[in-house]
Every structure is written in C-alpha cells, then in structure tokens.
Amino acid sequence: MYDTIFSAIDNILWKGCWIKQTNLIMEQTSWILFLKYLDDFQTEKEMSAMLSGCSYARIIDGEFRWTNWAAPKRGDGTLDYNSVLTGDDLLNFVNFKLFPHLASFKQTAENPHSLNL
C-alpha cells in the first residue's frame, strides 16, 4: 500500500520537474506525509474532545490546516478544485507562509517540548 503512495508522490515530483534530487524528494515527501498525519491526528483528538464535552485547540489551524490548503472541500464534502493551490501558488504558500508559520512555534510556545498534541 505505502509503496504505491510513495511511487505516486515520487512520479509527481519527478514529472513536474520540481525536484531532481532523491534526497530532496524524500524530504518533501516526509513533510507532506507528516502534515497530513498531523491533521488527521488533530481531527481525531478534536472529535474525542467534543464527544467528551471538552474543548480542543489545534496546533495548526486556519489557513495552515491541511484540509484548508491541500484538500479544501465544498459544502457537500467534495474536493473544491477551484480552491486547491497548485504550481507557483502552492510553492509560494508553503515556502513563504506555511514553513515560517511552523518555524514560529518554537519562539511562541511557552515550552515547545510540551506542546499538547
């Protein structure tokens, strides 16, 4: 299963002429998988908290949430192809907004080693 996913990601990165070095492809793939996993993990935590009558504050929210920039949905739950970031828009968002936002956590957290995931 994972072989197919990694192969598809590698093909997109190679064919799109974005990245031609294997180590960079692995780095980009790792970030993609991490951000998707974190969004799914936080969704689970949010749902568990809601069912318990508690509140849960996401670490990554708003425009930086995976489902808002990588896979935005319409009201009916289908992918909104008009809102999906691609090409230069995607690269600019990731490089100049998302990564600086993620880097700011270390400076803004009271104790960055105890973030409540």
N, C-alpha and C. Protein backbone atom coordinates (compact mmCIF):
# COMPACT_ATOMS: atom_id res chain seq x y z
N MET A 1 0.82 -1.19 0.00
CA MET A 1 0.00 0.00 0.00
C MET A 1 0.87 1.26 0.00
N TYR A 2 1.83 1.34 0.93
CA TYR A 2 2.67 2.53 1.01
C TYR A 2 3.57 2.68 -0.20
N ASP A 3 3.99 1.55 -0.79
CA ASP A 3 4.82 1.61 -1.98
C ASP A 3 4.11 2.36 -3.09
N THR A 4 2.83 2.11 -3.24
CA THR A 4 2.04 2.78 -4.27
C THR A 4 1.95 4.28 -4.01
N ILE A 5 1.74 4.64 -2.75
CA ILE A 5 1.64 6.06 -2.38
C ILE A 5 2.95 6.78 -2.63
N PHE A 6 4.06 6.19 -2.15
CA PHE A 6 5.37 6.81 -2.35
C PHE A 6 5.72 6.90 -3.83
N SER A 7 5.40 5.88 -4.58
CA SER A 7 5.67 5.87 -6.01
C SER A 7 4.90 6.99 -6.71
N ALA A 8 3.63 7.17 -6.33
CA ALA A 8 2.81 8.23 -6.94
C ALA A 8 3.38 9.61 -6.61
N ILE A 9 3.77 9.82 -5.37
CA ILE A 9 4.34 11.11 -4.98
C ILE A 9 5.64 11.36 -5.73
N ASP A 10 6.51 10.36 -5.78
CA ASP A 10 7.77 10.50 -6.50
C ASP A 10 7.54 10.83 -7.97
N ASN A 11 6.59 10.15 -8.59
CA ASN A 11 6.29 10.42 -10.00
C ASN A 11 5.83 11.85 -10.23
N ILE A 12 5.00 12.34 -9.34
CA ILE A 12 4.52 13.72 -9.46
C ILE A 12 5.68 14.70 -9.35
N LEU A 13 6.54 14.48 -8.36
CA LEU A 13 7.66 15.40 -8.15
C LEU A 13 8.67 15.32 -9.30
N TRP A 14 8.94 14.13 -9.80
CA TRP A 14 9.89 13.98 -10.91
C TRP A 14 9.33 14.53 -12.21
N LYS A 15 8.10 14.16 -12.55
CA LYS A 15 7.50 14.59 -13.81
C LYS A 15 7.21 16.08 -13.82
N GLY A 16 6.91 16.64 -12.66
CA GLY A 16 6.62 18.06 -12.57
C GLY A 16 7.86 18.92 -12.63
N CYS A 17 9.04 18.28 -12.72
CA CYS A 17 10.32 19.00 -12.78
C CYS A 17 10.53 19.86 -11.55
N TRP A 18 9.87 19.54 -10.45
CA TRP A 18 10.06 20.33 -9.24
C TRP A 18 11.39 19.99 -8.60
N ILE A 19 11.64 18.70 -8.48
CA ILE A 19 12.80 18.26 -7.72
C ILE A 19 13.50 17.15 -8.51
N LYS A 20 14.81 17.25 -8.64
CA LYS A 20 15.55 16.23 -9.38
C LYS A 20 16.56 15.50 -8.50
N GLN A 21 16.55 15.71 -7.22
CA GLN A 21 17.48 15.03 -6.33
C GLN A 21 16.69 14.16 -5.37
N THR A 22 17.09 12.90 -5.27
CA THR A 22 16.37 11.94 -4.45
C THR A 22 16.22 12.38 -3.01
N ASN A 23 17.29 12.93 -2.42
CA ASN A 23 17.19 13.34 -1.01
C ASN A 23 16.17 14.46 -0.82
N LEU A 24 16.02 15.33 -1.79
CA LEU A 24 15.01 16.39 -1.68
C LEU A 24 13.61 15.82 -1.83
N ILE A 25 13.46 14.83 -2.70
CA ILE A 25 12.15 14.18 -2.85
C ILE A 25 11.74 13.52 -1.55
N MET A 26 12.68 12.85 -0.90
CA MET A 26 12.37 12.20 0.37
C MET A 26 11.99 13.24 1.43
N GLU A 27 12.69 14.36 1.44
CA GLU A 27 12.38 15.42 2.41
C GLU A 27 10.99 15.99 2.16
N GLN A 28 10.67 16.28 0.92
CA GLN A 28 9.35 16.83 0.59
C GLN A 28 8.24 15.83 0.90
N THR A 29 8.48 14.56 0.56
CA THR A 29 7.50 13.51 0.84
C THR A 29 7.26 13.38 2.34
N SER A 30 8.33 13.45 3.11
CA SER A 30 8.20 13.36 4.57
C SER A 30 7.35 14.49 5.13
N TRP A 31 7.56 15.71 4.63
CA TRP A 31 6.76 16.85 5.09
C TRP A 31 5.29 16.67 4.72
N ILE A 32 5.06 16.24 3.50
CA ILE A 32 3.68 16.04 3.05
C ILE A 32 2.97 15.03 3.94
N LEU A 33 3.62 13.89 4.17
CA LEU A 33 3.01 12.84 4.99
C LEU A 33 2.84 13.29 6.44
N PHE A 34 3.82 14.02 6.97
CA PHE A 34 3.72 14.50 8.34
C PHE A 34 2.54 15.46 8.50
N LEU A 35 2.41 16.42 7.61
CA LEU A 35 1.32 17.40 7.72
C LEU A 35 -0.04 16.75 7.57
N LYS A 36 -0.16 15.78 6.68
CA LYS A 36 -1.42 15.06 6.52
C LYS A 36 -1.72 14.25 7.78
N TYR A 37 -0.72 13.54 8.29
CA TYR A 37 -0.89 12.75 9.51
C TYR A 37 -1.30 13.65 10.67
N LEU A 38 -0.62 14.79 10.84
CA LEU A 38 -0.92 15.69 11.94
C LEU A 38 -2.35 16.20 11.86
N ASP A 39 -2.82 16.52 10.66
CA ASP A 39 -4.20 16.99 10.51
C ASP A 39 -5.18 15.89 10.89
N ASP A 40 -4.93 14.67 10.43
CA ASP A 40 -5.80 13.55 10.79
C ASP A 40 -5.78 13.29 12.29
N PHE A 41 -4.58 13.35 12.88
CA PHE A 41 -4.42 13.12 14.32
C PHE A 41 -5.20 14.18 15.12
N GLN A 42 -5.06 15.44 14.72
CA GLN A 42 -5.76 16.51 15.42
C GLN A 42 -7.27 16.43 15.23
N THR A 43 -7.72 15.96 14.08
CA THR A 43 -9.14 15.77 13.85
C THR A 43 -9.69 14.72 14.81
N GLU A 44 -8.94 13.63 14.99
CA GLU A 44 -9.33 12.59 15.94
C GLU A 44 -9.41 13.14 17.36
N LYS A 45 -8.37 13.88 17.76
CA LYS A 45 -8.35 14.46 19.11
C LYS A 45 -9.51 15.44 19.30
N GLU A 46 -9.79 16.22 18.29
CA GLU A 46 -10.89 17.19 18.34
C GLU A 46 -12.23 16.47 18.49
N MET A 47 -12.43 15.40 17.74
CA MET A 47 -13.67 14.65 17.83
C MET A 47 -13.81 13.96 19.20
N SER A 48 -12.73 13.40 19.71
CA SER A 48 -12.76 12.77 21.03
C SER A 48 -13.11 13.79 22.12
N ALA A 49 -12.49 14.96 22.02
CA ALA A 49 -12.77 16.01 23.00
C ALA A 49 -14.24 16.44 22.92
N MET A 50 -14.74 16.59 21.71
CA MET A 50 -16.13 17.01 21.52
C MET A 50 -17.09 15.97 22.12
N LEU A 51 -16.82 14.69 21.88
CA LEU A 51 -17.66 13.63 22.43
C LEU A 51 -17.60 13.57 23.96
N SER A 52 -16.48 14.03 24.52
CA SER A 52 -16.32 14.04 25.98
C SER A 52 -16.81 15.34 26.60
N GLY A 53 -17.27 16.27 25.76
CA GLY A 53 -17.75 17.55 26.26
C GLY A 53 -16.61 18.50 26.59
N CYS A 54 -15.44 18.23 26.06
CA CYS A 54 -14.26 19.08 26.31
C CYS A 54 -13.95 19.89 25.05
N SER A 55 -13.04 20.81 25.22
CA SER A 55 -12.60 21.57 24.06
C SER A 55 -11.19 21.14 23.69
N TYR A 56 -10.83 21.36 22.45
CA TYR A 56 -9.50 21.01 21.95
C TYR A 56 -9.03 22.12 21.03
N ALA A 57 -7.84 22.63 21.28
CA ALA A 57 -7.27 23.67 20.44
C ALA A 57 -6.22 23.04 19.53
N ARG A 58 -6.45 23.15 18.23
CA ARG A 58 -5.50 22.62 17.27
C ARG A 58 -4.18 23.39 17.30
N ILE A 59 -3.11 22.68 17.03
CA ILE A 59 -1.80 23.32 16.92
C ILE A 59 -1.73 24.07 15.59
N ILE A 60 -2.19 23.41 14.55
CA ILE A 60 -2.20 24.02 13.21
C ILE A 60 -3.65 24.18 12.80
N ASP A 61 -4.07 25.43 12.61
CA ASP A 61 -5.47 25.70 12.30
C ASP A 61 -5.56 26.80 11.26
N GLY A 62 -6.76 27.15 10.92
CA GLY A 62 -7.00 28.22 9.97
C GLY A 62 -6.46 27.88 8.59
N GLU A 63 -5.87 28.84 7.93
CA GLU A 63 -5.38 28.63 6.57
C GLU A 63 -4.25 27.62 6.50
N PHE A 64 -3.62 27.30 7.63
CA PHE A 64 -2.50 26.37 7.65
C PHE A 64 -2.92 24.92 7.85
N ARG A 65 -4.19 24.71 8.14
CA ARG A 65 -4.70 23.35 8.32
C ARG A 65 -4.70 22.63 6.96
N TRP A 66 -4.24 21.39 6.97
CA TRP A 66 -4.12 20.60 5.73
C TRP A 66 -5.37 20.66 4.89
N THR A 67 -6.51 20.46 5.52
CA THR A 67 -7.77 20.41 4.76
C THR A 67 -8.15 21.76 4.17
N ASN A 68 -7.52 22.84 4.61
CA ASN A 68 -7.84 24.16 4.06
C ASN A 68 -6.96 24.54 2.88
N TRP A 69 -5.72 24.03 2.83
CA TRP A 69 -4.85 24.42 1.72
C TRP A 69 -4.54 23.26 0.77
N ALA A 70 -4.49 22.04 1.25
CA ALA A 70 -4.13 20.91 0.40
C ALA A 70 -5.34 20.19 -0.17
N ALA A 71 -6.42 20.18 0.59
CA ALA A 71 -7.62 19.45 0.15
C ALA A 71 -8.88 20.16 0.58
N PRO A 72 -9.07 21.41 0.10
CA PRO A 72 -10.29 22.14 0.51
C PRO A 72 -11.54 21.47 -0.04
N LYS A 73 -12.58 21.50 0.75
CA LYS A 73 -13.83 20.84 0.39
C LYS A 73 -14.94 21.86 0.17
N ARG A 74 -15.89 21.47 -0.67
CA ARG A 74 -17.12 22.26 -0.84
C ARG A 74 -18.07 21.92 0.29
N GLY A 75 -19.18 22.57 0.34
CA GLY A 75 -20.19 22.32 1.36
C GLY A 75 -20.70 20.89 1.36
N ASP A 76 -20.68 20.23 0.19
CA ASP A 76 -21.17 18.84 0.10
C ASP A 76 -20.08 17.81 0.40
N GLY A 77 -18.87 18.27 0.76
CA GLY A 77 -17.78 17.36 1.14
C GLY A 77 -16.89 16.93 0.00
N THR A 78 -17.18 17.36 -1.23
CA THR A 78 -16.33 17.00 -2.35
C THR A 78 -15.18 18.01 -2.47
N LEU A 79 -14.10 17.57 -3.11
CA LEU A 79 -12.93 18.42 -3.28
C LEU A 79 -13.27 19.65 -4.11
N ASP A 80 -12.85 20.80 -3.63
CA ASP A 80 -13.09 22.06 -4.33
C ASP A 80 -11.87 22.37 -5.21
N TYR A 81 -11.94 21.93 -6.46
CA TYR A 81 -10.82 22.09 -7.37
C TYR A 81 -10.48 23.54 -7.65
N ASN A 82 -11.42 24.45 -7.49
CA ASN A 82 -11.16 25.87 -7.73
C ASN A 82 -10.36 26.51 -6.61
N SER A 83 -10.34 25.90 -5.43
CA SER A 83 -9.61 26.45 -4.29
C SER A 83 -8.28 25.76 -4.01
N VAL A 84 -8.03 24.63 -4.66
CA VAL A 84 -6.79 23.89 -4.43
C VAL A 84 -5.61 24.71 -4.93
N LEU A 85 -4.59 24.82 -4.10
CA LEU A 85 -3.38 25.51 -4.51
C LEU A 85 -2.52 24.58 -5.36
N THR A 86 -2.02 25.12 -6.47
CA THR A 86 -1.16 24.34 -7.36
C THR A 86 -0.04 25.22 -7.88
N GLY A 87 0.97 24.61 -8.45
CA GLY A 87 2.05 25.33 -9.10
C GLY A 87 2.71 26.37 -8.21
N ASP A 88 2.94 27.55 -8.78
CA ASP A 88 3.61 28.63 -8.05
C ASP A 88 2.83 29.09 -6.83
N ASP A 89 1.50 29.06 -6.91
CA ASP A 89 0.69 29.44 -5.74
C ASP A 89 0.96 28.51 -4.57
N LEU A 90 1.05 27.22 -4.84
CA LEU A 90 1.34 26.24 -3.80
C LEU A 90 2.74 26.42 -3.25
N LEU A 91 3.72 26.57 -4.12
CA LEU A 91 5.10 26.76 -3.68
C LEU A 91 5.24 28.02 -2.83
N ASN A 92 4.63 29.10 -3.27
CA ASN A 92 4.70 30.35 -2.51
C ASN A 92 4.03 30.22 -1.14
N PHE A 93 2.88 29.55 -1.10
CA PHE A 93 2.20 29.36 0.18
C PHE A 93 3.06 28.55 1.13
N VAL A 94 3.58 27.42 0.65
CA VAL A 94 4.38 26.53 1.51
C VAL A 94 5.66 27.22 1.95
N ASN A 95 6.38 27.83 1.02
CA ASN A 95 7.69 28.42 1.34
C ASN A 95 7.60 29.71 2.14
N PHE A 96 6.62 30.55 1.84
CA PHE A 96 6.59 31.88 2.44
C PHE A 96 5.54 32.08 3.51
N LYS A 97 4.62 31.13 3.66
CA LYS A 97 3.60 31.25 4.71
C LYS A 97 3.61 30.05 5.66
N LEU A 98 3.47 28.82 5.09
CA LEU A 98 3.36 27.64 5.94
C LEU A 98 4.63 27.36 6.73
N PHE A 99 5.78 27.26 6.07
CA PHE A 99 7.01 26.94 6.78
C PHE A 99 7.38 28.03 7.80
N PRO A 100 7.26 29.32 7.48
CA PRO A 100 7.51 30.32 8.52
C PRO A 100 6.54 30.20 9.70
N HIS A 101 5.29 29.84 9.42
CA HIS A 101 4.31 29.64 10.50
C HIS A 101 4.74 28.48 11.39
N LEU A 102 5.16 27.38 10.78
CA LEU A 102 5.61 26.23 11.57
C LEU A 102 6.87 26.58 12.36
N ALA A 103 7.77 27.33 11.76
CA ALA A 103 9.01 27.72 12.43
C ALA A 103 8.74 28.63 13.63
N SER A 104 7.64 29.36 13.59
CA SER A 104 7.33 30.29 14.68
C SER A 104 6.92 29.58 15.97
N PHE A 105 6.55 28.30 15.89
CA PHE A 105 6.12 27.58 17.09
C PHE A 105 7.18 27.58 18.17
N LYS A 106 8.42 27.41 17.79
CA LYS A 106 9.49 27.34 18.79
C LYS A 106 9.60 28.66 19.55
N GLN A 107 9.39 29.77 18.86
CA GLN A 107 9.50 31.08 19.51
C GLN A 107 8.25 31.43 20.31
N THR A 108 7.09 30.95 19.90
CA THR A 108 5.85 31.37 20.54
C THR A 108 5.37 30.45 21.65
N ALA A 109 5.83 29.21 21.65
CA ALA A 109 5.38 28.27 22.68
C ALA A 109 6.08 28.56 24.00
N GLU A 110 5.34 28.48 25.10
CA GLU A 110 5.95 28.66 26.41
C GLU A 110 7.00 27.59 26.65
N ASN A 111 6.64 26.36 26.31
CA ASN A 111 7.57 25.25 26.42
C ASN A 111 7.37 24.39 25.19
N PRO A 112 8.20 24.59 24.14
CA PRO A 112 7.99 23.91 22.88
C PRO A 112 8.12 22.39 22.99
N HIS A 113 8.68 21.90 24.08
CA HIS A 113 8.83 20.45 24.24
C HIS A 113 7.59 19.81 24.86
N SER A 114 6.63 20.62 25.24
CA SER A 114 5.43 20.05 25.85
C SER A 114 4.15 20.49 25.14
N LEU A 115 4.22 20.64 23.82
CA LEU A 115 3.04 21.01 23.06
C LEU A 115 1.98 19.94 23.24
N ASN A 116 0.75 20.35 23.48
CA ASN A 116 -0.35 19.42 23.74
C ASN A 116 -0.91 18.88 22.44
N LEU A 117 -0.31 17.81 21.94
CA LEU A 117 -0.81 17.18 20.72
C LEU A 117 -2.03 16.38 21.07
